[in-house]
Amino acid sequence: MKGRSNRGEHSKMKILYCITSSSWGGAQLHVLELCADQLARGNEVTFIVGNKGPLLDKVKQLKGVKVILLPSLVREISPTNDIKAIVELRKIIKSESPDIVHLHSSKAGVIGRLSSIGLRKKLRLSSQSMAGRLLMVFPHD
């Protein structure tokens, strides 16, 4: 496969999914389905969320997903929490060394992009909000 020359064509990929809220809605359903699909394909999945809720409960039921609760990842603008989330997420990305970091929601998109500066990771942002769509305009690494 193009872009994965150092891995065999059927090698596992490590995918990190990150979303701000574990409340239940369309974005959360989408993330749950992505996690389940990638597990079924034999890939390694790490799931990061900012709070407890229905999505977290459902992802925990999937066998093989590494779940990380990141309480500093909050929806509201909070300079203290935002800086803490950037630092903590950067540490997680470095330690997990995923092939792809898939960000969901505008806030997770901003925090994820800032935390991965210089790490040479493939970032994907899925967002239905206008702020999230603006983030997609600015390329990363």
Foldseek 3Di string as FASTA:
>chain_A
DPPPVVDDPLDAFEEEEEEEDQEDDDLLVVVLVVVLVSVVSVHQYEYEYQDDDDSVVSNVPDPRYHYDHQVLRHPDDDVVSLVVLLQVVLVVCVVSVGQEYEYEELSSLVSVLSSCAPVPHHYHYDYPDPSSVVSVVDDGD
